[in-house]
């Protein structure tokens, strides 16, 4: 019987380097100690290509102030315009996962947002006379805007865009822009009584750590429904 030939293992010419997926807590500590937090952020940005996720949030424009006022009254607190709303209040106002990702800083606040507002108006003297108004739709594809600027306008920063596709003008904030769009759609005999908004974007998370936190949040939300 012939003896089986023994195959010698090949000599490793290059030093062994762990795969990026094997990044552990010790590696993170080393990066922070040598490059700081900014270095860690840059490392994670290049760590691996993260999947993009569709995120959205919906709210009733007329319910926002009512909900905030009710919360302050029940909890005996006062909030100024610059005070961040507690997450529990945001959950009462906005429905969806986008507000969580923004508030918890899981994604870049500057996004190619898309806003849709569907509203209806009724005759002041005849409430049964209801008209559906033309939806307000603005897509920031190719022209990303900061979330706070999008919501509040020039008080939070300047963003110029083409109004009606013609001249560039300053973004006034989503509520003001919606009201500008309403001008001329109905007479003074009517009043808007319903306005449903939906804000959406498609984006990756800052890193797999933020993506993991988001997935845990989604899982907990699903568990609460049962």
Protein backbone atom coordinates (compact mmCIF):
# COMPACT_ATOMS: atom_id res chain seq x y z
CA UNK A 1 0.00 0.00 0.00
CA UNK A 2 1.27 3.42 -0.88
CA UNK A 3 1.52 5.94 1.82
CA UNK A 4 -0.64 9.01 1.55
CA UNK A 5 1.37 12.07 0.69
CA UNK A 6 1.43 14.59 3.45
CA UNK A 7 0.68 18.13 2.38
CA UNK A 8 2.61 20.74 4.26
CA UNK A 9 0.71 23.86 5.20
CA UNK A 10 1.69 26.90 3.18
CA UNK A 11 3.81 29.47 4.91
CA UNK A 12 1.82 32.62 5.61
CA UNK A 13 3.69 35.42 3.88
CA UNK A 14 1.49 38.22 5.18
CA UNK A 15 0.72 38.85 8.84
CA UNK A 16 -2.72 37.68 9.89
CA UNK A 17 -5.34 40.41 9.99
CA UNK A 18 -8.76 39.72 11.49
CA UNK A 19 -11.72 40.33 9.27
CA UNK A 20 -13.52 43.59 9.79
CA UNK A 21 -16.57 41.72 10.97
CA UNK A 22 -14.50 40.50 13.92
CA UNK A 23 -14.24 44.03 15.34
CA UNK A 24 -14.70 43.74 19.09
CA UNK A 25 -14.77 45.94 22.17
CA UNK A 26 -10.99 45.91 22.55
CA UNK A 27 -10.57 47.08 18.95
CA UNK A 28 -13.02 49.90 19.55
CA UNK A 29 -11.12 51.00 22.66
CA UNK A 30 -7.84 51.03 20.73
CA UNK A 31 -9.33 53.18 17.98
CA UNK A 32 -10.76 55.65 20.49
CA UNK A 33 -7.49 55.89 22.43
CA UNK A 34 -5.43 56.48 19.29
CA UNK A 35 -7.79 58.45 17.03
CA UNK A 36 -10.48 59.72 19.35
CA UNK A 37 -14.24 59.58 18.92
CA UNK A 38 -14.07 61.24 15.49
CA UNK A 39 -11.66 58.55 14.37
CA UNK A 40 -14.06 55.88 15.56
CA UNK A 41 -16.88 57.54 13.64
CA UNK A 42 -14.77 57.64 10.45
CA UNK A 43 -13.82 54.01 10.96
CA UNK A 44 -17.44 52.91 11.26
CA UNK A 45 -18.43 54.90 8.18
CA UNK A 46 -15.95 52.83 6.18
CA UNK A 47 -16.53 49.66 8.18
CA UNK A 48 -19.05 48.16 5.81
CA UNK A 49 -21.70 49.38 3.45
CA UNK A 50 -24.92 49.62 5.40
CA UNK A 51 -28.28 48.87 3.88
CA UNK A 52 -30.67 51.74 3.31
CA UNK A 53 -33.98 51.71 5.15
CA UNK A 54 -37.26 53.38 4.29
CA UNK A 55 -38.40 55.41 7.31
CA UNK A 56 -41.53 57.48 7.73
CA UNK A 57 -43.60 59.31 10.29
CA UNK A 58 -47.18 60.57 10.17
CA UNK A 59 -48.97 63.23 12.17
CA UNK A 60 -52.07 65.38 12.32
CA UNK A 61 -51.03 69.01 11.94
CA UNK A 62 -53.94 70.30 14.02
CA UNK A 63 -53.27 67.89 16.89
CA UNK A 64 -49.62 68.88 17.49
CA UNK A 65 -50.14 71.98 19.65
CA UNK A 66 -53.11 70.44 21.45
CA UNK A 67 -51.08 67.37 22.44
CA UNK A 68 -48.13 69.48 23.65
CA UNK A 69 -50.37 71.81 25.67
CA UNK A 70 -52.19 68.87 27.24
CA UNK A 71 -48.92 67.16 28.19
CA UNK A 72 -47.57 70.34 29.81
CA UNK A 73 -50.81 70.85 31.71
CA UNK A 74 -50.95 67.28 33.02
CA UNK A 75 -47.29 67.31 34.07
CA UNK A 76 -47.25 70.91 35.33
CA UNK A 77 -44.32 71.93 33.13
CA UNK A 78 -43.61 74.69 30.67
CA UNK A 79 -41.78 74.19 27.39
CA UNK A 80 -40.33 77.01 25.33
CA UNK A 81 -39.98 76.81 21.59
CA UNK A 82 -36.32 75.71 21.88
CA UNK A 83 -36.88 72.97 24.46
CA UNK A 84 -36.66 69.44 23.03
CA UNK A 85 -39.86 67.50 23.48
CA UNK A 86 -39.62 64.32 25.55
CA UNK A 87 -39.61 61.17 23.43
CA UNK A 88 -42.90 60.06 24.97
CA UNK A 89 -44.55 63.26 23.71
CA UNK A 90 -43.07 62.78 20.25
CA UNK A 91 -44.49 59.25 20.23
CA UNK A 92 -47.91 60.72 21.01
CA UNK A 93 -47.68 63.23 18.15
CA UNK A 94 -45.76 61.36 15.45
CA UNK A 95 -46.49 57.81 14.39
CA UNK A 96 -43.71 55.87 12.70
CA UNK A 97 -40.03 55.03 13.03
CA UNK A 98 -38.45 58.11 11.46
CA UNK A 99 -38.97 60.33 14.52
CA UNK A 100 -37.23 57.76 16.74
CA UNK A 101 -34.23 57.50 14.41
CA UNK A 102 -33.91 61.29 14.28
CA UNK A 103 -34.38 61.95 17.99
CA UNK A 104 -31.96 59.19 19.02
CA UNK A 105 -29.44 60.44 16.43
CA UNK A 106 -29.28 57.10 14.63
CA UNK A 107 -29.25 58.72 11.19
CA UNK A 108 -27.94 61.88 9.58
CA UNK A 109 -30.48 64.68 10.20
CA UNK A 110 -29.85 66.02 6.69
CA UNK A 111 -31.84 63.88 4.30
CA UNK A 112 -33.60 63.87 0.94
CA UNK A 113 -36.97 64.10 2.66
CA UNK A 114 -40.33 63.78 0.97
CA UNK A 115 -43.36 65.47 2.56
CA UNK A 116 -47.00 64.87 1.68
CA UNK A 117 -49.89 66.75 3.30
CA UNK A 118 -53.47 65.84 2.47
CA UNK A 119 -56.10 68.26 3.72
CA UNK A 120 -59.79 69.10 3.53
CA UNK A 121 -61.77 72.30 4.02
CA UNK A 122 -65.40 72.96 4.88
CA UNK A 123 -67.77 75.87 4.37
CA UNK A 124 -68.00 78.05 7.49
CA UNK A 125 -71.79 78.45 7.29
CA UNK A 126 -72.45 74.96 5.94
CA UNK A 127 -70.17 72.33 7.57
CA UNK A 128 -71.59 69.64 5.29
CA UNK A 129 -70.03 71.39 2.29
CA UNK A 130 -66.57 69.76 2.32
CA UNK A 131 -63.92 70.02 -0.37
CA UNK A 132 -60.71 67.99 -0.76
CA UNK A 133 -57.76 70.25 -1.44
CA UNK A 134 -54.87 69.57 -3.75
CA UNK A 135 -52.21 67.62 -1.82
CA UNK A 136 -49.02 69.45 -0.91
CA UNK A 137 -46.06 67.33 -2.02
CA UNK A 138 -42.44 68.39 -1.85
CA UNK A 139 -39.58 66.02 -2.65
CA UNK A 140 -36.02 66.99 -1.69
CA UNK A 141 -34.40 64.37 -3.95
CA UNK A 142 -30.98 65.70 -4.91
CA UNK A 143 -31.42 68.64 -2.53
CA UNK A 144 -31.07 67.30 1.04
CA UNK A 145 -32.29 69.49 3.89
CA UNK A 146 -31.66 69.43 7.64
CA UNK A 147 -34.61 68.11 9.65
CA UNK A 148 -34.85 71.10 12.02
CA UNK A 149 -34.61 73.53 9.12
CA UNK A 150 -37.27 71.54 7.30
CA UNK A 151 -39.63 71.72 10.27
CA UNK A 152 -38.97 75.27 11.52
CA UNK A 153 -37.42 77.13 8.62
CA UNK A 154 -34.92 79.99 8.76
CA UNK A 155 -34.92 80.12 12.58
CA UNK A 156 -32.83 76.94 12.45
CA UNK A 157 -30.83 77.60 9.29
CA UNK A 158 -31.07 78.66 5.68
CA UNK A 159 -32.07 76.39 2.84
CA UNK A 160 -32.79 77.71 -0.63
CA UNK A 161 -34.96 75.81 -3.07
CA UNK A 162 -36.79 76.44 -6.31
CA UNK A 163 -40.34 77.47 -5.50
CA UNK A 164 -42.65 76.31 -8.28
CA UNK A 165 -39.52 75.23 -10.16
CA UNK A 166 -38.59 78.80 -11.08
CA UNK A 167 -36.74 81.09 -8.68
CA UNK A 168 -34.71 80.00 -5.67
CA UNK A 169 -36.16 81.20 -2.41
CA UNK A 170 -35.75 80.57 1.30
CA UNK A 171 -37.51 77.59 2.85
CA UNK A 172 -39.93 78.89 5.49
CA UNK A 173 -40.63 75.66 7.38
CA UNK A 174 -43.07 72.93 6.45
CA UNK A 175 -46.21 74.44 8.03
CA UNK A 176 -45.65 77.87 6.46
CA UNK A 177 -44.83 76.33 3.08
CA UNK A 178 -48.02 74.28 3.25
CA UNK A 179 -50.04 77.42 4.03
CA UNK A 180 -48.44 79.22 1.08
CA UNK A 181 -49.45 76.31 -1.12
CA UNK A 182 -53.04 76.58 0.14
CA UNK A 183 -53.39 80.20 -0.98
CA UNK A 184 -55.85 80.42 -3.81
CA UNK A 185 -57.21 76.89 -3.41
CA UNK A 186 -60.35 77.96 -1.57
CA UNK A 187 -62.28 81.13 -0.76
CA UNK A 188 -62.57 82.89 2.59
CA UNK A 189 -65.90 81.15 3.09
CA UNK A 190 -64.02 77.90 3.78
CA UNK A 191 -61.69 76.80 6.54
CA UNK A 192 -59.25 73.90 6.67
CA UNK A 193 -60.27 71.42 9.35
CA UNK A 194 -58.15 68.38 8.51
CA UNK A 195 -54.50 68.01 7.54
CA UNK A 196 -52.63 64.70 7.59
CA UNK A 197 -48.87 64.81 7.00
CA UNK A 198 -46.35 62.10 6.13
CA UNK A 199 -42.60 62.64 6.09
CA UNK A 200 -40.32 59.94 4.69
CA UNK A 201 -36.77 59.23 3.57
CA UNK A 202 -34.56 56.31 2.58
CA UNK A 203 -31.27 56.25 4.43
CA UNK A 204 -28.58 54.09 6.05
CA UNK A 205 -27.84 54.39 9.75
CA UNK A 206 -24.63 55.95 11.05
CA UNK A 207 -23.20 52.50 11.79
CA UNK A 208 -24.20 48.93 12.52
CA UNK A 209 -24.47 49.90 16.22
CA UNK A 210 -27.25 52.41 15.46
CA UNK A 211 -28.85 49.94 13.07
CA UNK A 212 -28.88 47.32 15.83
CA UNK A 213 -30.48 49.76 18.29
CA UNK A 214 -33.14 50.61 15.73
CA UNK A 215 -33.97 46.95 15.09
CA UNK A 216 -34.31 46.40 18.85
CA UNK A 217 -36.68 49.36 19.03
CA UNK A 218 -38.76 47.91 16.19
CA UNK A 219 -38.84 44.50 17.87
CA UNK A 220 -40.02 45.98 21.17
CA UNK A 221 -42.70 47.91 19.31
CA UNK A 222 -43.97 44.71 17.71
CA UNK A 223 -43.97 42.92 21.07
CA UNK A 224 -46.09 45.69 22.64
CA UNK A 225 -48.82 45.05 20.08
CA UNK A 226 -49.44 41.54 21.42
